[in-house]
Amino acid sequence: MIEVRVKLTFPEDLVRQPFMARLVRDHDVEPNIRRANVDENEGWIVCELNGEPGRVEDAIGWLRAQGIRVDLLGDVVEG
């Protein structure tokens, strides 16, 4: 298992999409939300993504492919 801290930035057209639920359901990754600010026009979430290394990497790639900016914050923590 690894933990990766990321900042997810959502453009206006994606703010209302259930991305966090899809991370859990479709990618078997557990997000631990640490900070967030979401309104009708934009949003960002700082969270830790926990899971198997390949699943976390796939989830980050999927988020980016959806148009979400993903910034890695700090080191990967392996457990």
Protein backbone atom coordinates (compact mmCIF):
# COMPACT_ATOMS: atom_id res chain seq x y z
CA MET A 1 0.00 0.00 0.00
CA ILE A 2 1.12 3.55 -0.70
CA GLU A 3 -0.15 7.00 0.15
CA VAL A 4 0.27 9.90 -2.27
CA ARG A 5 -0.65 13.46 -1.29
CA VAL A 6 -2.14 15.43 -4.18
CA LYS A 7 -3.96 18.65 -4.95
CA LEU A 8 -6.81 18.20 -7.39
CA THR A 9 -7.99 21.33 -9.21
CA PHE A 10 -11.33 21.16 -11.00
CA PRO A 11 -12.35 23.50 -13.83
CA GLU A 12 -15.88 24.91 -13.84
CA ASP A 13 -17.32 22.29 -16.19
CA LEU A 14 -16.18 19.43 -13.90
CA VAL A 15 -17.02 20.77 -10.43
CA ARG A 16 -20.31 18.89 -10.14
CA GLN A 17 -18.96 15.48 -11.23
CA PRO A 18 -18.63 12.69 -8.59
CA PHE A 19 -14.91 12.04 -9.09
CA MET A 20 -14.17 11.03 -5.51
CA ALA A 21 -16.88 8.36 -5.55
CA ARG A 22 -15.53 6.99 -8.83
CA LEU A 23 -12.00 6.80 -7.38
CA VAL A 24 -13.30 4.50 -4.67
CA ARG A 25 -15.71 2.47 -6.80
CA ASP A 26 -13.85 2.16 -10.12
CA HIS A 27 -10.19 2.42 -9.10
CA ASP A 28 -10.12 0.88 -5.61
CA VAL A 29 -8.32 3.94 -4.22
CA GLU A 30 -9.25 5.53 -0.89
CA PRO A 31 -9.09 9.34 -0.84
CA ASN A 32 -8.57 11.01 2.53
CA ILE A 33 -9.62 14.65 2.09
CA ARG A 34 -7.44 17.02 4.11
CA ARG A 35 -8.58 20.41 2.76
CA ALA A 36 -11.02 21.54 0.12
CA ASN A 37 -12.71 24.55 -1.40
CA VAL A 38 -15.45 23.92 -3.94
CA ASP A 39 -18.04 26.33 -5.31
CA GLU A 40 -20.12 26.60 -8.48
CA ASN A 41 -17.24 27.92 -10.63
CA GLU A 42 -14.16 26.04 -9.51
CA GLY A 43 -12.78 23.80 -6.84
CA TRP A 44 -9.71 22.19 -5.35
CA ILE A 45 -9.13 19.32 -2.98
CA VAL A 46 -5.97 18.38 -1.13
CA CYS A 47 -6.12 14.71 -0.30
CA GLU A 48 -4.12 11.57 0.27
CA LEU A 49 -4.75 8.74 -2.17
CA ASN A 50 -4.25 5.34 -0.52
CA GLY A 51 -4.04 2.00 -2.31
CA GLU A 52 -1.90 -0.44 -4.21
CA PRO A 53 0.84 1.38 -6.18
CA GLY A 54 -0.51 0.44 -9.62
CA ARG A 55 -4.06 1.42 -8.70
CA VAL A 56 -3.00 4.81 -7.33
CA GLU A 57 -0.94 5.49 -10.46
CA ASP A 58 -3.87 4.47 -12.69
CA ALA A 59 -6.26 6.66 -10.68
CA ILE A 60 -3.98 9.70 -11.07
CA GLY A 61 -3.75 9.07 -14.81
CA TRP A 62 -7.53 8.75 -15.03
CA LEU A 63 -8.05 12.03 -13.14
CA ARG A 64 -5.70 13.83 -15.52
CA ALA A 65 -7.43 12.30 -18.54
CA GLN A 66 -10.74 13.69 -17.25
CA GLY A 67 -9.31 17.22 -17.28
CA ILE A 68 -8.49 17.55 -13.58
CA ARG A 69 -5.17 19.13 -12.73
CA VAL A 70 -3.23 16.83 -10.40
CA ASP A 71 -0.28 18.29 -8.49
CA LEU A 72 1.82 15.89 -6.42
CA LEU A 73 2.53 17.30 -2.95
CA GLY A 74 5.53 15.77 -1.27
CA ASP A 75 6.80 12.25 -1.16
CA VAL A 76 5.02 8.97 -1.60
CA VAL A 77 4.63 7.13 1.71
CA GLU A 78 4.85 3.34 1.46
CA GLY A 79 3.25 1.25 4.12
